[in-house]
Amino acid sequence: MKARVHVMLKNGVLDPQGEAVRHALGALGFAGVSGVRQGKVIELDLADGTTEATVKEMCEKLLANTVIESYSVELA
């Protein structure tokens, strides 16, 4: 079983990496980009029967800093 966790900074939290990417895109001639938010994707190989609640617990305890980040879970 696989799970994919998407972690992003919450709205309102400064994203210096996203801003650096936006600036670099502008410098490369991509003028239409007004904002970039950068996040991460974590793919987990799990034992069959692992629940979404267990993956969310992993996120709450380790994979996401829930003070400044939000996350979503996809099970496959």
PDB file of N, CA and C in Angstrom:
ATOM      1  N   MET A   1       0.846  -1.174   0.000  1.00  0.00           N
ATOM      2  CA  MET A   1       0.000   0.000   0.000  1.00  0.00           C
ATOM      3  C   MET A   1       0.893   1.239   0.000  1.00  0.00           C
ATOM      4  N   LYS A   2       0.461   2.246  -0.706  1.00  0.00           N
ATOM      5  CA  LYS A   2       1.227   3.488  -0.777  1.00  0.00           C
ATOM      6  C   LYS A   2       0.381   4.643  -0.264  1.00  0.00           C
ATOM      7  N   ALA A   3       1.050   5.629   0.287  1.00  0.00           N
ATOM      8  CA  ALA A   3       0.408   6.879   0.677  1.00  0.00           C
ATOM      9  C   ALA A   3       1.269   8.018   0.161  1.00  0.00           C
ATOM     10  N   ARG A   4       0.610   9.069  -0.239  1.00  0.00           N
ATOM     11  CA  ARG A   4       1.306  10.282  -0.673  1.00  0.00           C
ATOM     12  C   ARG A   4       0.798  11.418   0.215  1.00  0.00           C
ATOM     13  N   VAL A   5       1.742  12.112   0.840  1.00  0.00           N
ATOM     14  CA  VAL A   5       1.420  13.230   1.719  1.00  0.00           C
ATOM     15  C   VAL A   5       1.925  14.511   1.058  1.00  0.00           C
ATOM     16  N   HIS A   6       1.030  15.474   0.881  1.00  0.00           N
ATOM     17  CA  HIS A   6       1.391  16.787   0.335  1.00  0.00           C
ATOM     18  C   HIS A   6       1.454  17.767   1.507  1.00  0.00           C
ATOM     19  N   VAL A   7       2.595  18.433   1.659  1.00  0.00           N
ATOM     20  CA  VAL A   7       2.793  19.381   2.749  1.00  0.00           C
ATOM     21  C   VAL A   7       3.070  20.760   2.138  1.00  0.00           C
ATOM     22  N   MET A   8       2.298  21.751   2.584  1.00  0.00           N
ATOM     23  CA  MET A   8       2.470  23.126   2.095  1.00  0.00           C
ATOM     24  C   MET A   8       2.456  24.084   3.276  1.00  0.00           C
ATOM     25  N   LEU A   9       3.157  25.197   3.126  1.00  0.00           N
ATOM     26  CA  LEU A   9       3.052  26.246   4.134  1.00  0.00           C
ATOM     27  C   LEU A   9       1.627  26.797   4.122  1.00  0.00           C
ATOM     28  N   LYS A  10       1.131  27.120   5.306  1.00  0.00           N
ATOM     29  CA  LYS A  10      -0.212  27.696   5.401  1.00  0.00           C
ATOM     30  C   LYS A  10      -0.225  29.080   4.763  1.00  0.00           C
ATOM     31  N   ASN A  11      -1.408  29.503   4.294  1.00  0.00           N
ATOM     32  CA  ASN A  11      -1.561  30.850   3.745  1.00  0.00           C
ATOM     33  C   ASN A  11      -1.167  31.861   4.821  1.00  0.00           C
ATOM     34  N   GLY A  12      -0.470  32.885   4.426  1.00  0.00           N
ATOM     35  CA  GLY A  12      -0.032  33.912   5.361  1.00  0.00           C
ATOM     36  C   GLY A  12       1.356  33.677   5.934  1.00  0.00           C
ATOM     37  N   VAL A  13       1.907  32.471   5.762  1.00  0.00           N
ATOM     38  CA  VAL A  13       3.260  32.182   6.238  1.00  0.00           C
ATOM     39  C   VAL A  13       4.245  32.530   5.122  1.00  0.00           C
ATOM     40  N   LEU A  14       5.251  33.317   5.442  1.00  0.00           N
ATOM     41  CA  LEU A  14       6.256  33.731   4.459  1.00  0.00           C
ATOM     42  C   LEU A  14       6.935  32.508   3.852  1.00  0.00           C
ATOM     43  N   ASP A  15       7.058  32.504   2.520  1.00  0.00           N
ATOM     44  CA  ASP A  15       7.673  31.389   1.796  1.00  0.00           C
ATOM     45  C   ASP A  15       8.883  31.911   1.014  1.00  0.00           C
ATOM     46  N   PRO A  16      10.058  32.018   1.659  1.00  0.00           N
ATOM     47  CA  PRO A  16      11.218  32.576   0.975  1.00  0.00           C
ATOM     48  C   PRO A  16      11.676  31.738  -0.216  1.00  0.00           C
ATOM     49  N   GLN A  17      11.533  30.409  -0.157  1.00  0.00           N
ATOM     50  CA  GLN A  17      11.910  29.577  -1.306  1.00  0.00           C
ATOM     51  C   GLN A  17      10.978  29.851  -2.485  1.00  0.00           C
ATOM     52  N   GLY A  18       9.701  29.950  -2.219  1.00  0.00           N
ATOM     53  CA  GLY A  18       8.748  30.262  -3.280  1.00  0.00           C
ATOM     54  C   GLY A  18       9.036  31.615  -3.908  1.00  0.00           C
ATOM     55  N   GLU A  19       9.363  32.591  -3.073  1.00  0.00           N
ATOM     56  CA  GLU A  19       9.682  33.925  -3.582  1.00  0.00           C
ATOM     57  C   GLU A  19      10.952  33.893  -4.428  1.00  0.00           C
ATOM     58  N   ALA A  20      11.953  33.115  -4.023  1.00  0.00           N
ATOM     59  CA  ALA A  20      13.184  32.989  -4.807  1.00  0.00           C
ATOM     60  C   ALA A  20      12.891  32.348  -6.164  1.00  0.00           C
ATOM     61  N   VAL A  21      12.027  31.341  -6.187  1.00  0.00           N
ATOM     62  CA  VAL A  21      11.652  30.705  -7.458  1.00  0.00           C
ATOM     63  C   VAL A  21      10.904  31.694  -8.342  1.00  0.00           C
ATOM     64  N   ARG A  22       9.960  32.461  -7.754  1.00  0.00           N
ATOM     65  CA  ARG A  22       9.219  33.461  -8.538  1.00  0.00           C
ATOM     66  C   ARG A  22      10.178  34.476  -9.153  1.00  0.00           C
ATOM     67  N   HIS A  23      11.128  34.937  -8.365  1.00  0.00           N
ATOM     68  CA  HIS A  23      12.105  35.921  -8.857  1.00  0.00           C
ATOM     69  C   HIS A  23      12.950  35.314  -9.979  1.00  0.00           C
ATOM     70  N   ALA A  24      13.415  34.092  -9.803  1.00  0.00           N
ATOM     71  CA  ALA A  24      14.245  33.437 -10.814  1.00  0.00           C
ATOM     72  C   ALA A  24      13.468  33.220 -12.110  1.00  0.00           C
ATOM     73  N   LEU A  25      12.203  32.854 -12.004  1.00  0.00           N
ATOM     74  CA  LEU A  25      11.386  32.695 -13.216  1.00  0.00           C
ATOM     75  C   LEU A  25      11.262  34.007 -13.970  1.00  0.00           C
ATOM     76  N   GLY A  26      11.078  35.103 -13.224  1.00  0.00           N
ATOM     77  CA  GLY A  26      11.019  36.417 -13.862  1.00  0.00           C
ATOM     78  C   GLY A  26      12.321  36.758 -14.557  1.00  0.00           C
ATOM     79  N   ALA A  27      13.441  36.433 -13.915  1.00  0.00           N
ATOM     80  CA  ALA A  27      14.753  36.705 -14.501  1.00  0.00           C
ATOM     81  C   ALA A  27      14.993  35.873 -15.760  1.00  0.00           C
ATOM     82  N   LEU A  28      14.332  34.719 -15.848  1.00  0.00           N
ATOM     83  CA  LEU A  28      14.461  33.865 -17.033  1.00  0.00           C
ATOM     84  C   LEU A  28      13.476  34.239 -18.134  1.00  0.00           C
ATOM     85  N   GLY A  29      12.686  35.288 -17.905  1.00  0.00           N
ATOM     86  CA  GLY A  29      11.787  35.774 -18.940  1.00  0.00           C
ATOM     87  C   GLY A  29      10.347  35.293 -18.806  1.00  0.00           C
ATOM     88  N   PHE A  30      10.009  34.612 -17.739  1.00  0.00           N
ATOM     89  CA  PHE A  30       8.635  34.165 -17.519  1.00  0.00           C
ATOM     90  C   PHE A  30       7.908  35.238 -16.712  1.00  0.00           C
ATOM     91  N   ALA A  31       7.362  36.226 -17.423  1.00  0.00           N
ATOM     92  CA  ALA A  31       6.839  37.425 -16.782  1.00  0.00           C
ATOM     93  C   ALA A  31       5.468  37.236 -16.148  1.00  0.00           C
ATOM     94  N   GLY A  32       4.739  36.194 -16.467  1.00  0.00           N
ATOM     95  CA  GLY A  32       3.368  36.057 -15.997  1.00  0.00           C
ATOM     96  C   GLY A  32       3.210  35.424 -14.629  1.00  0.00           C
ATOM     97  N   VAL A  33       4.292  35.159 -13.903  1.00  0.00           N
ATOM     98  CA  VAL A  33       4.193  34.482 -12.616  1.00  0.00           C
ATOM     99  C   VAL A  33       4.159  35.530 -11.505  1.00  0.00           C
ATOM    100  N   SER A  34       3.037  35.617 -10.795  1.00  0.00           N
ATOM    101  CA  SER A  34       2.914  36.624  -9.742  1.00  0.00           C
ATOM    102  C   SER A  34       3.115  36.050  -8.349  1.00  0.00           C
ATOM    103  N   GLY A  35       3.123  34.730  -8.212  1.00  0.00           N
ATOM    104  CA  GLY A  35       3.342  34.135  -6.903  1.00  0.00           C
ATOM    105  C   GLY A  35       3.689  32.664  -7.013  1.00  0.00           C
ATOM    106  N   VAL A  36       4.527  32.190  -6.108  1.00  0.00           N
ATOM    107  CA  VAL A  36       4.915  30.777  -6.063  1.00  0.00           C
ATOM    108  C   VAL A  36       4.893  30.340  -4.604  1.00  0.00           C
ATOM    109  N   ARG A  37       4.274  29.197  -4.333  1.00  0.00           N
ATOM    110  CA  ARG A  37       4.326  28.559  -3.018  1.00  0.00           C
ATOM    111  C   ARG A  37       4.994  27.212  -3.222  1.00  0.00           C
ATOM    112  N   GLN A  38       6.010  26.939  -2.460  1.00  0.00           N
ATOM    113  CA  GLN A  38       6.747  25.687  -2.602  1.00  0.00           C
ATOM    114  C   GLN A  38       6.407  24.768  -1.441  1.00  0.00           C
ATOM    115  N   GLY A  39       6.247  23.486  -1.742  1.00  0.00           N
ATOM    116  CA  GLY A  39       5.940  22.501  -0.708  1.00  0.00           C
ATOM    117  C   GLY A  39       6.747  21.244  -0.924  1.00  0.00           C
ATOM    118  N   LYS A  40       6.268  20.165  -0.332  1.00  0.00           N
ATOM    119  CA  LYS A  40       6.963  18.892  -0.497  1.00  0.00           C
ATOM    120  C   LYS A  40       5.935  17.769  -0.594  1.00  0.00           C
ATOM    121  N   VAL A  41       6.355  16.694  -1.244  1.00  0.00           N
ATOM    122  CA  VAL A  41       5.544  15.485  -1.360  1.00  0.00           C
ATOM    123  C   VAL A  41       6.341  14.356  -0.724  1.00  0.00           C
ATOM    124  N   ILE A  42       5.697  13.613   0.156  1.00  0.00           N
ATOM    125  CA  ILE A  42       6.333  12.488   0.828  1.00  0.00           C
ATOM    126  C   ILE A  42       5.572  11.231   0.426  1.00  0.00           C
ATOM    127  N   GLU A  43       6.267  10.263  -0.157  1.00  0.00           N
ATOM    128  CA  GLU A  43       5.639   8.998  -0.540  1.00  0.00           C
ATOM    129  C   GLU A  43       6.038   7.925   0.462  1.00  0.00           C
ATOM    130  N   LEU A  44       5.057   7.216   0.971  1.00  0.00           N
ATOM    131  CA  LEU A  44       5.285   6.180   1.971  1.00  0.00           C
ATOM    132  C   LEU A  44       4.855   4.827   1.419  1.00  0.00           C
ATOM    133  N   ASP A  45       5.684   3.807   1.598  1.00  0.00           N
ATOM    134  CA  ASP A  45       5.308   2.425   1.329  1.00  0.00           C
ATOM    135  C   ASP A  45       4.875   1.838   2.664  1.00  0.00           C
ATOM    136  N   LEU A  46       3.623   1.422   2.743  1.00  0.00           N
ATOM    137  CA  LEU A  46       3.043   1.001   4.012  1.00  0.00           C
ATOM    138  C   LEU A  46       2.563  -0.442   3.956  1.00  0.00           C
ATOM    139  N   ALA A  47       2.451  -1.051   5.118  1.00  0.00           N
ATOM    140  CA  ALA A  47       1.876  -2.390   5.207  1.00  0.00           C
ATOM    141  C   ALA A  47       0.397  -2.325   4.836  1.00  0.00           C
ATOM    142  N   ASP A  48      -0.089  -3.360   4.186  1.00  0.00           N
ATOM    143  CA  ASP A  48      -1.515  -3.425   3.862  1.00  0.00           C
ATOM    144  C   ASP A  48      -2.327  -3.270   5.144  1.00  0.00           C
ATOM    145  N   GLY A  49      -3.418  -2.536   5.028  1.00  0.00           N
ATOM    146  CA  GLY A  49      -4.281  -2.341   6.184  1.00  0.00           C
ATOM    147  C   GLY A  49      -3.953  -1.110   7.004  1.00  0.00           C
ATOM    148  N   THR A  50      -2.866  -0.405   6.666  1.00  0.00           N
ATOM    149  CA  THR A  50      -2.552   0.839   7.377  1.00  0.00           C
ATOM    150  C   THR A  50      -3.661   1.839   7.088  1.00  0.00           C
ATOM    151  N   THR A  51      -4.174   2.472   8.109  1.00  0.00           N
ATOM    152  CA  THR A  51      -5.313   3.371   7.936  1.00  0.00           C
ATOM    153  C   THR A  51      -4.869   4.798   7.650  1.00  0.00           C
ATOM    154  N   GLU A  52      -5.787   5.560   7.091  1.00  0.00           N
ATOM    155  CA  GLU A  52      -5.533   6.978   6.859  1.00  0.00           C
ATOM    156  C   GLU A  52      -5.290   7.682   8.191  1.00  0.00           C
ATOM    157  N   ALA A  53      -5.986   7.256   9.228  1.00  0.00           N
ATOM    158  CA  ALA A  53      -5.787   7.849  10.553  1.00  0.00           C
ATOM    159  C   ALA A  53      -4.350   7.658  11.035  1.00  0.00           C
ATOM    160  N   THR A  54      -3.760   6.524  10.730  1.00  0.00           N
ATOM    161  CA  THR A  54      -2.365   6.275  11.114  1.00  0.00           C
ATOM    162  C   THR A  54      -1.424   7.203  10.363  1.00  0.00           C
ATOM    163  N   VAL A  55      -1.686   7.399   9.066  1.00  0.00           N
ATOM    164  CA  VAL A  55      -0.848   8.300   8.267  1.00  0.00           C
ATOM    165  C   VAL A  55      -0.998   9.731   8.780  1.00  0.00           C
ATOM    166  N   LYS A  56      -2.210  10.131   9.128  1.00  0.00           N
ATOM    167  CA  LYS A  56      -2.421  11.476   9.679  1.00  0.00           C
ATOM    168  C   LYS A  56      -1.680  11.643  10.999  1.00  0.00           C
ATOM    169  N   GLU A  57      -1.641  10.591  11.807  1.00  0.00           N
ATOM    170  CA  GLU A  57      -0.885  10.649  13.053  1.00  0.00           C
ATOM    171  C   GLU A  57       0.603  10.844  12.770  1.00  0.00           C
ATOM    172  N   MET A  58       1.108  10.164  11.717  1.00  0.00           N
ATOM    173  CA  MET A  58       2.508  10.353  11.311  1.00  0.00           C
ATOM    174  C   MET A  58       2.761  11.812  10.941  1.00  0.00           C
ATOM    175  N   CYS A  59       1.820  12.395  10.222  1.00  0.00           N
ATOM    176  CA  CYS A  59       1.951  13.797   9.810  1.00  0.00           C
ATOM    177  C   CYS A  59       1.972  14.721  11.022  1.00  0.00           C
ATOM    178  N   GLU A  60       1.049  14.483  11.951  1.00  0.00           N
ATOM    179  CA  GLU A  60       0.947  15.331  13.135  1.00  0.00           C
ATOM    180  C   GLU A  60       2.195  15.245  14.011  1.00  0.00           C
ATOM    181  N   LYS A  61       2.816  14.063  14.059  1.00  0.00           N
ATOM    182  CA  LYS A  61       3.959  13.856  14.954  1.00  0.00           C
ATOM    183  C   LYS A  61       5.302  14.149  14.314  1.00  0.00           C
ATOM    184  N   LEU A  62       5.403  14.010  12.959  1.00  0.00           N
ATOM    185  CA  LEU A  62       6.732  14.125  12.349  1.00  0.00           C
ATOM    186  C   LEU A  62       6.753  14.801  10.985  1.00  0.00           C
ATOM    187  N   LEU A  63       5.870  14.415  10.088  1.00  0.00           N
ATOM    188  CA  LEU A  63       6.024  14.793   8.682  1.00  0.00           C
ATOM    189  C   LEU A  63       5.682  16.248   8.380  1.00  0.00           C
ATOM    190  N   ALA A  64       4.824  16.865   9.187  1.00  0.00           N
ATOM    191  CA  ALA A  64       4.441  18.265   8.950  1.00  0.00           C
ATOM    192  C   ALA A  64       4.549  19.047  10.253  1.00  0.00           C
ATOM    193  N   ASN A  65       4.993  20.271  10.143  1.00  0.00           N
ATOM    194  CA  ASN A  65       4.968  21.191  11.280  1.00  0.00           C
ATOM    195  C   ASN A  65       3.611  21.884  11.231  1.00  0.00           C
ATOM    196  N   THR A  66       2.660  21.369  11.984  1.00  0.00           N
ATOM    197  CA  THR A  66       1.273  21.828  11.841  1.00  0.00           C
ATOM    198  C   THR A  66       1.044  23.252  12.329  1.00  0.00           C
ATOM    199  N   VAL A  67       2.039  23.864  12.940  1.00  0.00           N
ATOM    200  CA  VAL A  67       1.920  25.265  13.320  1.00  0.00           C
ATOM    201  C   VAL A  67       1.944  26.137  12.067  1.00  0.00           C
ATOM    202  N   ILE A  68       2.812  25.786  11.103  1.00  0.00           N
ATOM    203  CA  ILE A  68       2.972  26.624   9.912  1.00  0.00           C
ATOM    204  C   ILE A  68       2.642  25.900   8.613  1.00  0.00           C
ATOM    205  N   GLU A  69       2.395  24.575   8.677  1.00  0.00           N
ATOM    206  CA  GLU A  69       2.157  23.803   7.461  1.00  0.00           C
ATOM    207  C   GLU A  69       0.811  23.086   7.531  1.00  0.00           C
ATOM    208  N   SER A  70       0.217  22.917   6.366  1.00  0.00           N
ATOM    209  CA  SER A  70      -0.960  22.067   6.241  1.00  0.00           C
ATOM    210  C   SER A  70      -0.564  20.855   5.412  1.00  0.00           C
ATOM    211  N   TYR A  71      -1.372  19.805   5.475  1.00  0.00           N
ATOM    212  CA  TYR A  71      -1.046  18.588   4.719  1.00  0.00           C
ATOM    213  C   TYR A  71      -2.325  17.940   4.243  1.00  0.00           C
ATOM    214  N   SER A  72      -2.176  17.122   3.202  1.00  0.00           N
ATOM    215  CA  SER A  72      -3.269  16.278   2.728  1.00  0.00           C
ATOM    216  C   SER A  72      -2.687  14.895   2.466  1.00  0.00           C
ATOM    217  N   VAL A  73      -3.538  13.876   2.589  1.00  0.00           N
ATOM    218  CA  VAL A  73      -3.115  12.487   2.461  1.00  0.00           C
ATOM    219  C   VAL A  73      -3.886  11.827   1.329  1.00  0.00           C
ATOM    220  N   GLU A  74      -3.178  11.098   0.469  1.00  0.00           N
ATOM    221  CA  GLU A  74      -3.782  10.266  -0.572  1.00  0.00           C
ATOM    222  C   GLU A  74      -3.335   8.832  -0.339  1.00  0.00           C
ATOM    223  N   LEU A  75      -4.282   7.918  -0.255  1.00  0.00           N
ATOM    224  CA  LEU A  75      -3.955   6.507  -0.133  1.00  0.00           C
ATOM    225  C   LEU A  75      -4.160   5.823  -1.478  1.00  0.00           C
ATOM    226  N   ALA A  76      -3.252   4.922  -1.844  1.00  0.00           N
ATOM    227  CA  ALA A  76      -3.386   4.204  -3.126  1.00  0.00           C
ATOM    228  C   ALA A  76      -3.185   2.726  -2.928  1.00  0.00           C
TER     229      ALA A  76
END
